[in-house]
Amino acid sequence: MMAGGIVMVSFVPIALLAAWVADIEQGQCEGNYYDFGTGQRTQGVNCDRFDPTIYGGLISAAVLLGVGVPLIIVGGKKEPLGTAQITPWASPHAGGLALRLKL
């Protein structure tokens, strides 16, 4: 569960980026721009085609975040607690630390 939540939350910036880029494209489409072929300022056609991408990206980001965070929290509680033990050791010719993990 925890891994699934982490993956879901990691897709949130991608959904927001898609919505942001579509919003920029829609803003450029709706704005007046200079057409070098005709020599006139014109407005884009069918600028509403970006709306599904914008709203889809925002809704997807909200759903992914809303589901992913509880999965991380619940999955983190179900993970077994492990212990780590560091013990020093010494011999006539060497010394150091030993790390022992218990899962």
PDB file of N, CA and C in Angstrom:
ATOM      1  N   MET A   1       0.817  -1.191   0.000  1.00  0.00           N
ATOM      2  CA  MET A   1       0.000   0.000   0.000  1.00  0.00           C
ATOM      3  C   MET A   1       0.864   1.259   0.000  1.00  0.00           C
ATOM      4  N   MET A   2       1.919   1.188   0.775  1.00  0.00           N
ATOM      5  CA  MET A   2       2.778   2.358   0.876  1.00  0.00           C
ATOM      6  C   MET A   2       3.442   2.670  -0.465  1.00  0.00           C
ATOM      7  N   ALA A   3       3.915   1.628  -1.142  1.00  0.00           N
ATOM      8  CA  ALA A   3       4.566   1.841  -2.442  1.00  0.00           C
ATOM      9  C   ALA A   3       3.580   2.379  -3.468  1.00  0.00           C
ATOM     10  N   GLY A   4       2.353   1.869  -3.448  1.00  0.00           N
ATOM     11  CA  GLY A   4       1.335   2.372  -4.361  1.00  0.00           C
ATOM     12  C   GLY A   4       1.018   3.837  -4.109  1.00  0.00           C
ATOM     13  N   GLY A   5       0.963   4.224  -2.842  1.00  0.00           N
ATOM     14  CA  GLY A   5       0.719   5.624  -2.508  1.00  0.00           C
ATOM     15  C   GLY A   5       1.855   6.527  -2.961  1.00  0.00           C
ATOM     16  N   ILE A   6       3.073   6.045  -2.812  1.00  0.00           N
ATOM     17  CA  ILE A   6       4.226   6.841  -3.252  1.00  0.00           C
ATOM     18  C   ILE A   6       4.193   7.036  -4.766  1.00  0.00           C
ATOM     19  N   VAL A   7       3.849   5.983  -5.499  1.00  0.00           N
ATOM     20  CA  VAL A   7       3.767   6.094  -6.958  1.00  0.00           C
ATOM     21  C   VAL A   7       2.650   7.058  -7.355  1.00  0.00           C
ATOM     22  N   MET A   8       1.513   6.969  -6.677  1.00  0.00           N
ATOM     23  CA  MET A   8       0.400   7.861  -7.014  1.00  0.00           C
ATOM     24  C   MET A   8       0.752   9.323  -6.747  1.00  0.00           C
ATOM     25  N   VAL A   9       1.373   9.595  -5.618  1.00  0.00           N
ATOM     26  CA  VAL A   9       1.749  10.969  -5.290  1.00  0.00           C
ATOM     27  C   VAL A   9       2.822  11.484  -6.249  1.00  0.00           C
ATOM     28  N   SER A  10       3.664  10.597  -6.755  1.00  0.00           N
ATOM     29  CA  SER A  10       4.708  11.053  -7.681  1.00  0.00           C
ATOM     30  C   SER A  10       4.140  11.447  -9.041  1.00  0.00           C
ATOM     31  N   PHE A  11       2.927  11.002  -9.373  1.00  0.00           N
ATOM     32  CA  PHE A  11       2.308  11.404 -10.634  1.00  0.00           C
ATOM     33  C   PHE A  11       1.576  12.740 -10.544  1.00  0.00           C
ATOM     34  N   VAL A  12       1.412  13.293  -9.364  1.00  0.00           N
ATOM     35  CA  VAL A  12       0.713  14.566  -9.194  1.00  0.00           C
ATOM     36  C   VAL A  12       1.414  15.703  -9.954  1.00  0.00           C
ATOM     37  N   PRO A  13       2.746  15.868  -9.844  1.00  0.00           N
ATOM     38  CA  PRO A  13       3.374  16.964 -10.607  1.00  0.00           C
ATOM     39  C   PRO A  13       3.233  16.810 -12.115  1.00  0.00           C
ATOM     40  N   ILE A  14       3.182  15.587 -12.609  1.00  0.00           N
ATOM     41  CA  ILE A  14       3.022  15.368 -14.049  1.00  0.00           C
ATOM     42  C   ILE A  14       1.633  15.822 -14.488  1.00  0.00           C
ATOM     43  N   ALA A  15       0.608  15.500 -13.708  1.00  0.00           N
ATOM     44  CA  ALA A  15      -0.757  15.939 -14.042  1.00  0.00           C
ATOM     45  C   ALA A  15      -0.872  17.456 -13.979  1.00  0.00           C
ATOM     46  N   LEU A  16      -0.247  18.062 -12.981  1.00  0.00           N
ATOM     47  CA  LEU A  16      -0.276  19.524 -12.882  1.00  0.00           C
ATOM     48  C   LEU A  16       0.491  20.178 -14.021  1.00  0.00           C
ATOM     49  N   LEU A  17       1.593  19.583 -14.438  1.00  0.00           N
ATOM     50  CA  LEU A  17       2.361  20.116 -15.559  1.00  0.00           C
ATOM     51  C   LEU A  17       1.547  20.057 -16.851  1.00  0.00           C
ATOM     52  N   ALA A  18       0.836  18.958 -17.078  1.00  0.00           N
ATOM     53  CA  ALA A  18      -0.004  18.842 -18.273  1.00  0.00           C
ATOM     54  C   ALA A  18      -1.106  19.904 -18.270  1.00  0.00           C
ATOM     55  N   ALA A  19      -1.722  20.128 -17.115  1.00  0.00           N
ATOM     56  CA  ALA A  19      -2.768  21.153 -17.026  1.00  0.00           C
ATOM     57  C   ALA A  19      -2.181  22.547 -17.243  1.00  0.00           C
ATOM     58  N   TRP A  20      -0.997  22.787 -16.713  1.00  0.00           N
ATOM     59  CA  TRP A  20      -0.364  24.104 -16.854  1.00  0.00           C
ATOM     60  C   TRP A  20       0.002  24.395 -18.307  1.00  0.00           C
ATOM     61  N   VAL A  21       0.579  23.412 -18.986  1.00  0.00           N
ATOM     62  CA  VAL A  21       0.958  23.604 -20.393  1.00  0.00           C
ATOM     63  C   VAL A  21      -0.282  23.830 -21.252  1.00  0.00           C
ATOM     64  N   ALA A  22      -1.357  23.077 -20.990  1.00  0.00           N
ATOM     65  CA  ALA A  22      -2.595  23.279 -21.748  1.00  0.00           C
ATOM     66  C   ALA A  22      -3.176  24.667 -21.484  1.00  0.00           C
ATOM     67  N   ASP A  23      -3.051  25.165 -20.257  1.00  0.00           N
ATOM     68  CA  ASP A  23      -3.536  26.507 -19.947  1.00  0.00           C
ATOM     69  C   ASP A  23      -2.738  27.568 -20.694  1.00  0.00           C
ATOM     70  N   ILE A  24      -1.428  27.378 -20.775  1.00  0.00           N
ATOM     71  CA  ILE A  24      -0.590  28.323 -21.528  1.00  0.00           C
ATOM     72  C   ILE A  24      -0.974  28.308 -23.009  1.00  0.00           C
ATOM     73  N   GLU A  25      -1.176  27.110 -23.561  1.00  0.00           N
ATOM     74  CA  GLU A  25      -1.560  27.004 -24.967  1.00  0.00           C
ATOM     75  C   GLU A  25      -2.920  27.652 -25.227  1.00  0.00           C
ATOM     76  N   GLN A  26      -3.857  27.471 -24.300  1.00  0.00           N
ATOM     77  CA  GLN A  26      -5.173  28.086 -24.460  1.00  0.00           C
ATOM     78  C   GLN A  26      -5.062  29.608 -24.380  1.00  0.00           C
ATOM     79  N   GLY A  27      -4.230  30.105 -23.486  1.00  0.00           N
ATOM     80  CA  GLY A  27      -4.031  31.549 -23.395  1.00  0.00           C
ATOM     81  C   GLY A  27      -3.435  32.129 -24.664  1.00  0.00           C
ATOM     82  N   GLN A  28      -2.523  31.408 -25.276  1.00  0.00           N
ATOM     83  CA  GLN A  28      -1.951  31.883 -26.530  1.00  0.00           C
ATOM     84  C   GLN A  28      -2.962  31.798 -27.665  1.00  0.00           C
ATOM     85  N   CYS A  29      -3.817  30.799 -27.619  1.00  0.00           N
ATOM     86  CA  CYS A  29      -4.831  30.656 -28.661  1.00  0.00           C
ATOM     87  C   CYS A  29      -5.874  31.766 -28.579  1.00  0.00           C
ATOM     88  N   GLU A  30      -6.265  32.112 -27.350  1.00  0.00           N
ATOM     89  CA  GLU A  30      -7.294  33.135 -27.168  1.00  0.00           C
ATOM     90  C   GLU A  30      -6.769  34.544 -27.411  1.00  0.00           C
ATOM     91  N   GLY A  31      -5.494  34.744 -27.223  1.00  0.00           N
ATOM     92  CA  GLY A  31      -4.920  36.074 -27.420  1.00  0.00           C
ATOM     93  C   GLY A  31      -4.769  36.403 -28.895  1.00  0.00           C
ATOM     94  N   ASN A  32      -4.718  37.664 -29.189  1.00  0.00           N
ATOM     95  CA  ASN A  32      -4.504  38.082 -30.572  1.00  0.00           C
ATOM     96  C   ASN A  32      -3.049  37.868 -30.946  1.00  0.00           C
ATOM     97  N   TYR A  33      -2.828  37.341 -32.116  1.00  0.00           N
ATOM     98  CA  TYR A  33      -1.459  37.168 -32.584  1.00  0.00           C
ATOM     99  C   TYR A  33      -1.366  37.654 -34.027  1.00  0.00           C
ATOM    100  N   TYR A  34      -0.182  37.992 -34.439  1.00  0.00           N
ATOM    101  CA  TYR A  34       0.046  38.552 -35.759  1.00  0.00           C
ATOM    102  C   TYR A  34       0.262  37.418 -36.744  1.00  0.00           C
ATOM    103  N   ASP A  35      -0.532  37.378 -37.794  1.00  0.00           N
ATOM    104  CA  ASP A  35      -0.400  36.375 -38.851  1.00  0.00           C
ATOM    105  C   ASP A  35       0.426  36.988 -39.974  1.00  0.00           C
ATOM    106  N   PHE A  36       1.627  36.476 -40.153  1.00  0.00           N
ATOM    107  CA  PHE A  36       2.519  37.051 -41.167  1.00  0.00           C
ATOM    108  C   PHE A  36       2.032  36.781 -42.586  1.00  0.00           C
ATOM    109  N   GLY A  37       1.231  35.749 -42.790  1.00  0.00           N
ATOM    110  CA  GLY A  37       0.724  35.453 -44.138  1.00  0.00           C
ATOM    111  C   GLY A  37      -0.266  36.489 -44.616  1.00  0.00           C
ATOM    112  N   THR A  38      -1.167  36.903 -43.742  1.00  0.00           N
ATOM    113  CA  THR A  38      -2.186  37.881 -44.146  1.00  0.00           C
ATOM    114  C   THR A  38      -1.827  39.297 -43.730  1.00  0.00           C
ATOM    115  N   GLY A  39      -0.903  39.430 -42.799  1.00  0.00           N
ATOM    116  CA  GLY A  39      -0.529  40.758 -42.325  1.00  0.00           C
ATOM    117  C   GLY A  39      -1.540  41.354 -41.359  1.00  0.00           C
ATOM    118  N   GLN A  40      -2.378  40.520 -40.760  1.00  0.00           N
ATOM    119  CA  GLN A  40      -3.409  41.003 -39.852  1.00  0.00           C
ATOM    120  C   GLN A  40      -3.281  40.296 -38.501  1.00  0.00           C
ATOM    121  N   ARG A  41      -3.903  40.949 -37.507  1.00  0.00           N
ATOM    122  CA  ARG A  41      -3.986  40.301 -36.192  1.00  0.00           C
ATOM    123  C   ARG A  41      -5.228  39.428 -36.192  1.00  0.00           C
ATOM    124  N   THR A  42      -5.060  38.185 -35.782  1.00  0.00           N
ATOM    125  CA  THR A  42      -6.184  37.259 -35.767  1.00  0.00           C
ATOM    126  C   THR A  42      -6.266  36.564 -34.407  1.00  0.00           C
ATOM    127  N   GLN A  43      -7.403  35.930 -34.178  1.00  0.00           N
ATOM    128  CA  GLN A  43      -7.600  35.175 -32.947  1.00  0.00           C
ATOM    129  C   GLN A  43      -7.682  33.697 -33.313  1.00  0.00           C
ATOM    130  N   GLY A  44      -7.192  32.835 -32.402  1.00  0.00           N
ATOM    131  CA  GLY A  44      -7.194  31.407 -32.658  1.00  0.00           C
ATOM    132  C   GLY A  44      -8.601  30.840 -32.793  1.00  0.00           C
ATOM    133  N   VAL A  45      -8.674  29.675 -33.423  1.00  0.00           N
ATOM    134  CA  VAL A  45      -9.947  29.007 -33.650  1.00  0.00           C
ATOM    135  C   VAL A  45     -10.006  27.769 -32.766  1.00  0.00           C
ATOM    136  N   ASN A  46     -11.171  27.487 -32.197  1.00  0.00           N
ATOM    137  CA  ASN A  46     -11.407  26.299 -31.380  1.00  0.00           C
ATOM    138  C   ASN A  46     -10.478  26.263 -30.168  1.00  0.00           C
ATOM    139  N   CYS A  47     -10.432  27.362 -29.434  1.00  0.00           N
ATOM    140  CA  CYS A  47      -9.571  27.435 -28.245  1.00  0.00           C
ATOM    141  C   CYS A  47     -10.127  26.653 -27.066  1.00  0.00           C
ATOM    142  N   ASP A  48     -11.392  26.235 -27.147  1.00  0.00           N
ATOM    143  CA  ASP A  48     -11.986  25.466 -26.052  1.00  0.00           C
ATOM    144  C   ASP A  48     -11.507  24.014 -26.034  1.00  0.00           C
ATOM    145  N   ARG A  49     -10.750  23.593 -27.023  1.00  0.00           N
ATOM    146  CA  ARG A  49     -10.291  22.206 -27.061  1.00  0.00           C
ATOM    147  C   ARG A  49      -9.291  21.898 -25.951  1.00  0.00           C
ATOM    148  N   PHE A  50      -8.754  22.913 -25.298  1.00  0.00           N
ATOM    149  CA  PHE A  50      -7.795  22.706 -24.212  1.00  0.00           C
ATOM    150  C   PHE A  50      -8.473  22.476 -22.862  1.00  0.00           C
ATOM    151  N   ASP A  51      -9.773  22.811 -22.756  1.00  0.00           N
ATOM    152  CA  ASP A  51     -10.479  22.689 -21.476  1.00  0.00           C
ATOM    153  C   ASP A  51     -10.460  21.278 -20.898  1.00  0.00           C
ATOM    154  N   PRO A  52     -10.736  20.224 -21.679  1.00  0.00           N
ATOM    155  CA  PRO A  52     -10.699  18.886 -21.078  1.00  0.00           C
ATOM    156  C   PRO A  52      -9.326  18.519 -20.516  1.00  0.00           C
ATOM    157  N   THR A  53      -8.270  18.950 -21.158  1.00  0.00           N
ATOM    158  CA  THR A  53      -6.925  18.654 -20.657  1.00  0.00           C
ATOM    159  C   THR A  53      -6.645  19.406 -19.364  1.00  0.00           C
ATOM    160  N   ILE A  54      -7.064  20.655 -19.297  1.00  0.00           N
ATOM    161  CA  ILE A  54      -6.839  21.453 -18.092  1.00  0.00           C
ATOM    162  C   ILE A  54      -7.609  20.861 -16.922  1.00  0.00           C
ATOM    163  N   TYR A  55      -8.910  20.663 -17.102  1.00  0.00           N
ATOM    164  CA  TYR A  55      -9.725  20.145 -16.000  1.00  0.00           C
ATOM    165  C   TYR A  55      -9.368  18.701 -15.675  1.00  0.00           C
ATOM    166  N   GLY A  56      -9.062  17.914 -16.676  1.00  0.00           N
ATOM    167  CA  GLY A  56      -8.653  16.532 -16.432  1.00  0.00           C
ATOM    168  C   GLY A  56      -7.364  16.453 -15.638  1.00  0.00           C
ATOM    169  N   GLY A  57      -6.415  17.308 -15.949  1.00  0.00           N
ATOM    170  CA  GLY A  57      -5.156  17.328 -15.206  1.00  0.00           C
ATOM    171  C   GLY A  57      -5.349  17.759 -13.764  1.00  0.00           C
ATOM    172  N   LEU A  58      -6.181  18.779 -13.549  1.00  0.00           N
ATOM    173  CA  LEU A  58      -6.418  19.249 -12.181  1.00  0.00           C
ATOM    174  C   LEU A  58      -7.184  18.223 -11.351  1.00  0.00           C
ATOM    175  N   ILE A  59      -8.196  17.605 -11.947  1.00  0.00           N
ATOM    176  CA  ILE A  59      -8.965  16.590 -11.225  1.00  0.00           C
ATOM    177  C   ILE A  59      -8.100  15.359 -10.957  1.00  0.00           C
ATOM    178  N   SER A  60      -7.308  14.959 -11.940  1.00  0.00           N
ATOM    179  CA  SER A  60      -6.419  13.805 -11.739  1.00  0.00           C
ATOM    180  C   SER A  60      -5.419  14.070 -10.619  1.00  0.00           C
ATOM    181  N   ALA A  61      -4.858  15.264 -10.585  1.00  0.00           N
ATOM    182  CA  ALA A  61      -3.892  15.598  -9.529  1.00  0.00           C
ATOM    183  C   ALA A  61      -4.558  15.556  -8.160  1.00  0.00           C
ATOM    184  N   ALA A  62      -5.775  16.085  -8.058  1.00  0.00           N
ATOM    185  CA  ALA A  62      -6.479  16.083  -6.774  1.00  0.00           C
ATOM    186  C   ALA A  62      -6.806  14.661  -6.323  1.00  0.00           C
ATOM    187  N   VAL A  63      -7.254  13.814  -7.254  1.00  0.00           N
ATOM    188  CA  VAL A  63      -7.598  12.434  -6.911  1.00  0.00           C
ATOM    189  C   VAL A  63      -6.347  11.650  -6.531  1.00  0.00           C
ATOM    190  N   LEU A  64      -5.292  11.798  -7.314  1.00  0.00           N
ATOM    191  CA  LEU A  64      -4.051  11.080  -7.003  1.00  0.00           C
ATOM    192  C   LEU A  64      -3.497  11.479  -5.642  1.00  0.00           C
ATOM    193  N   LEU A  65      -3.535  12.757  -5.333  1.00  0.00           N
ATOM    194  CA  LEU A  65      -3.046  13.213  -4.041  1.00  0.00           C
ATOM    195  C   LEU A  65      -3.973  12.775  -2.910  1.00  0.00           C
ATOM    196  N   GLY A  66      -5.280  12.868  -3.147  1.00  0.00           N
ATOM    197  CA  GLY A  66      -6.244  12.496  -2.122  1.00  0.00           C
ATOM    198  C   GLY A  66      -6.246  11.012  -1.789  1.00  0.00           C
ATOM    199  N   VAL A  67      -5.904  10.179  -2.748  1.00  0.00           N
ATOM    200  CA  VAL A  67      -5.844   8.734  -2.507  1.00  0.00           C
ATOM    201  C   VAL A  67      -4.442   8.301  -2.103  1.00  0.00           C
ATOM    202  N   GLY A  68      -3.431   8.933  -2.672  1.00  0.00           N
ATOM    203  CA  GLY A  68      -2.051   8.519  -2.415  1.00  0.00           C
ATOM    204  C   GLY A  68      -1.576   8.781  -1.002  1.00  0.00           C
ATOM    205  N   VAL A  69      -1.926   9.928  -0.443  1.00  0.00           N
ATOM    206  CA  VAL A  69      -1.469  10.260   0.911  1.00  0.00           C
ATOM    207  C   VAL A  69      -2.036   9.297   1.956  1.00  0.00           C
ATOM    208  N   PRO A  70      -3.353   8.987   1.943  1.00  0.00           N
ATOM    209  CA  PRO A  70      -3.823   7.987   2.908  1.00  0.00           C
ATOM    210  C   PRO A  70      -3.197   6.607   2.713  1.00  0.00           C
ATOM    211  N   LEU A  71      -2.920   6.234   1.467  1.00  0.00           N
ATOM    212  CA  LEU A  71      -2.257   4.952   1.232  1.00  0.00           C
ATOM    213  C   LEU A  71      -0.863   4.930   1.854  1.00  0.00           C
ATOM    214  N   ILE A  72      -0.152   6.036   1.764  1.00  0.00           N
ATOM    215  CA  ILE A  72       1.176   6.107   2.382  1.00  0.00           C
ATOM    216  C   ILE A  72       1.055   5.992   3.896  1.00  0.00           C
ATOM    217  N   ILE A  73       0.078   6.688   4.468  1.00  0.00           N
ATOM    218  CA  ILE A  73      -0.076   6.673   5.928  1.00  0.00           C
ATOM    219  C   ILE A  73      -0.482   5.291   6.426  1.00  0.00           C
ATOM    220  N   VAL A  74      -1.500   4.697   5.802  1.00  0.00           N
ATOM    221  CA  VAL A  74      -1.973   3.375   6.229  1.00  0.00           C
ATOM    222  C   VAL A  74      -0.914   2.312   5.943  1.00  0.00           C
ATOM    223  N   GLY A  75      -0.287   2.391   4.791  1.00  0.00           N
ATOM    224  CA  GLY A  75       0.750   1.413   4.449  1.00  0.00           C
ATOM    225  C   GLY A  75       1.957   1.519   5.352  1.00  0.00           C
ATOM    226  N   GLY A  76       2.276   2.710   5.816  1.00  0.00           N
ATOM    227  CA  GLY A  76       3.408   2.890   6.720  1.00  0.00           C
ATOM    228  C   GLY A  76       3.159   2.262   8.083  1.00  0.00           C
ATOM    229  N   LYS A  77       1.908   2.255   8.498  1.00  0.00           N
ATOM    230  CA  LYS A  77       1.581   1.637   9.786  1.00  0.00           C
ATOM    231  C   LYS A  77       1.632   0.117   9.717  1.00  0.00           C
ATOM    232  N   LYS A  78       1.455  -0.452   8.528  1.00  0.00           N
ATOM    233  CA  LYS A  78       1.455  -1.904   8.380  1.00  0.00           C
ATOM    234  C   LYS A  78       2.853  -2.475   8.157  1.00  0.00           C
ATOM    235  N   GLU A  79       3.820  -1.638   7.915  1.00  0.00           N
ATOM    236  CA  GLU A  79       5.189  -2.118   7.708  1.00  0.00           C
ATOM    237  C   GLU A  79       5.745  -2.643   9.034  1.00  0.00           C
ATOM    238  N   PRO A  80       6.456  -3.766   8.988  1.00  0.00           N
ATOM    239  CA  PRO A  80       7.033  -4.272  10.239  1.00  0.00           C
ATOM    240  C   PRO A  80       8.167  -3.367  10.719  1.00  0.00           C
ATOM    241  N   LEU A  81       8.243  -3.240  12.022  1.00  0.00           N
ATOM    242  CA  LEU A  81       9.294  -2.414  12.596  1.00  0.00           C
ATOM    243  C   LEU A  81      10.554  -3.257  12.718  1.00  0.00           C
ATOM    244  N   GLY A  82      11.630  -2.756  12.248  1.00  0.00           N
ATOM    245  CA  GLY A  82      12.900  -3.444  12.352  1.00  0.00           C
ATOM    246  C   GLY A  82      13.799  -2.747  13.359  1.00  0.00           C
ATOM    247  N   THR A  83      14.816  -3.440  13.772  1.00  0.00           N
ATOM    248  CA  THR A  83      15.774  -2.846  14.703  1.00  0.00           C
ATOM    249  C   THR A  83      17.163  -2.960  14.100  1.00  0.00           C
ATOM    250  N   ALA A  84      17.977  -2.017  14.422  1.00  0.00           N
ATOM    251  CA  ALA A  84      19.368  -2.020  13.994  1.00  0.00           C
ATOM    252  C   ALA A  84      20.239  -1.947  15.243  1.00  0.00           C
ATOM    253  N   GLN A  85      21.281  -2.745  15.246  1.00  0.00           N
ATOM    254  CA  GLN A  85      22.173  -2.776  16.398  1.00  0.00           C
ATOM    255  C   GLN A  85      23.606  -2.619  15.903  1.00  0.00           C
ATOM    256  N   ILE A  86      24.292  -1.651  16.466  1.00  0.00           N
ATOM    257  CA  ILE A  86      25.699  -1.419  16.125  1.00  0.00           C
ATOM    258  C   ILE A  86      26.534  -1.848  17.326  1.00  0.00           C
ATOM    259  N   THR A  87      27.449  -2.761  17.090  1.00  0.00           N
ATOM    260  CA  THR A  87      28.306  -3.249  18.176  1.00  0.00           C
ATOM    261  C   THR A  87      29.769  -3.081  17.793  1.00  0.00           C
ATOM    262  N   PRO A  88      30.552  -2.529  18.679  1.00  0.00           N
ATOM    263  CA  PRO A  88      31.984  -2.419  18.409  1.00  0.00           C
ATOM    264  C   PRO A  88      32.671  -3.765  18.635  1.00  0.00           C
ATOM    265  N   TRP A  89      33.727  -3.980  17.902  1.00  0.00           N
ATOM    266  CA  TRP A  89      34.508  -5.199  18.088  1.00  0.00           C
ATOM    267  C   TRP A  89      35.988  -4.846  17.974  1.00  0.00           C
ATOM    268  N   ALA A  90      36.756  -5.663  18.596  1.00  0.00           N
ATOM    269  CA  ALA A  90      38.206  -5.421  18.576  1.00  0.00           C
ATOM    270  C   ALA A  90      38.937  -6.757  18.635  1.00  0.00           C
ATOM    271  N   SER A  91      40.052  -6.817  17.963  1.00  0.00           N
ATOM    272  CA  SER A  91      40.948  -7.985  18.001  1.00  0.00           C
ATOM    273  C   SER A  91      42.373  -7.459  18.132  1.00  0.00           C
ATOM    274  N   PRO A  92      43.352  -8.329  18.307  1.00  0.00           N
ATOM    275  CA  PRO A  92      44.717  -7.835  18.446  1.00  0.00           C
ATOM    276  C   PRO A  92      45.226  -7.075  17.210  1.00  0.00           C
ATOM    277  N   HIS A  93      44.622  -7.347  16.041  1.00  0.00           N
ATOM    278  CA  HIS A  93      45.146  -6.735  14.812  1.00  0.00           C
ATOM    279  C   HIS A  93      44.192  -5.747  14.157  1.00  0.00           C
ATOM    280  N   ALA A  94      42.935  -5.658  14.635  1.00  0.00           N
ATOM    281  CA  ALA A  94      41.966  -4.779  13.973  1.00  0.00           C
ATOM    282  C   ALA A  94      40.830  -4.433  14.932  1.00  0.00           C
ATOM    283  N   GLY A  95      39.985  -3.523  14.509  1.00  0.00           N
ATOM    284  CA  GLY A  95      38.815  -3.129  15.284  1.00  0.00           C
ATOM    285  C   GLY A  95      37.801  -2.481  14.358  1.00  0.00           C
ATOM    286  N   GLY A  96      36.577  -2.375  14.816  1.00  0.00           N
ATOM    287  CA  GLY A  96      35.569  -1.742  13.968  1.00  0.00           C
ATOM    288  C   GLY A  96      34.195  -1.832  14.578  1.00  0.00           C
ATOM    289  N   LEU A  97      33.212  -1.609  13.739  1.00  0.00           N
ATOM    290  CA  LEU A  97      31.818  -1.666  14.144  1.00  0.00           C
ATOM    291  C   LEU A  97      31.107  -2.718  13.309  1.00  0.00           C
ATOM    292  N   ALA A  98      30.197  -3.443  13.926  1.00  0.00           N
ATOM    293  CA  ALA A  98      29.373  -4.405  13.208  1.00  0.00           C
ATOM    294  C   ALA A  98      27.926  -3.913  13.246  1.00  0.00           C
ATOM    295  N   LEU A  99      27.256  -4.007  12.125  1.00  0.00           N
ATOM    296  CA  LEU A  99      25.868  -3.592  12.013  1.00  0.00           C
ATOM    297  C   LEU A  99      25.017  -4.847  11.843  1.00  0.00           C
ATOM    298  N   ARG A 100      24.019  -5.011  12.717  1.00  0.00           N
ATOM    299  CA  ARG A 100      23.133  -6.177  12.660  1.00  0.00           C
ATOM    300  C   ARG A 100      21.706  -5.648  12.539  1.00  0.00           C
ATOM    301  N   LEU A 101      21.007  -6.054  11.458  1.00  0.00           N
ATOM    302  CA  LEU A 101      19.629  -5.642  11.218  1.00  0.00           C
ATOM    303  C   LEU A 101      18.689  -6.792  11.527  1.00  0.00           C
ATOM    304  N   LYS A 102      17.624  -6.511  12.251  1.00  0.00           N
ATOM    305  CA  LYS A 102      16.583  -7.498  12.527  1.00  0.00           C
ATOM    306  C   LYS A 102      15.281  -6.944  11.972  1.00  0.00           C
ATOM    307  N   LEU A 103      14.678  -7.666  11.055  1.00  0.00           N
ATOM    308  CA  LEU A 103      13.411  -7.219  10.464  1.00  0.00           C
ATOM    309  C   LEU A 103      12.249  -7.978  11.022  1.00  0.00           C
TER     310      LEU A 103
END
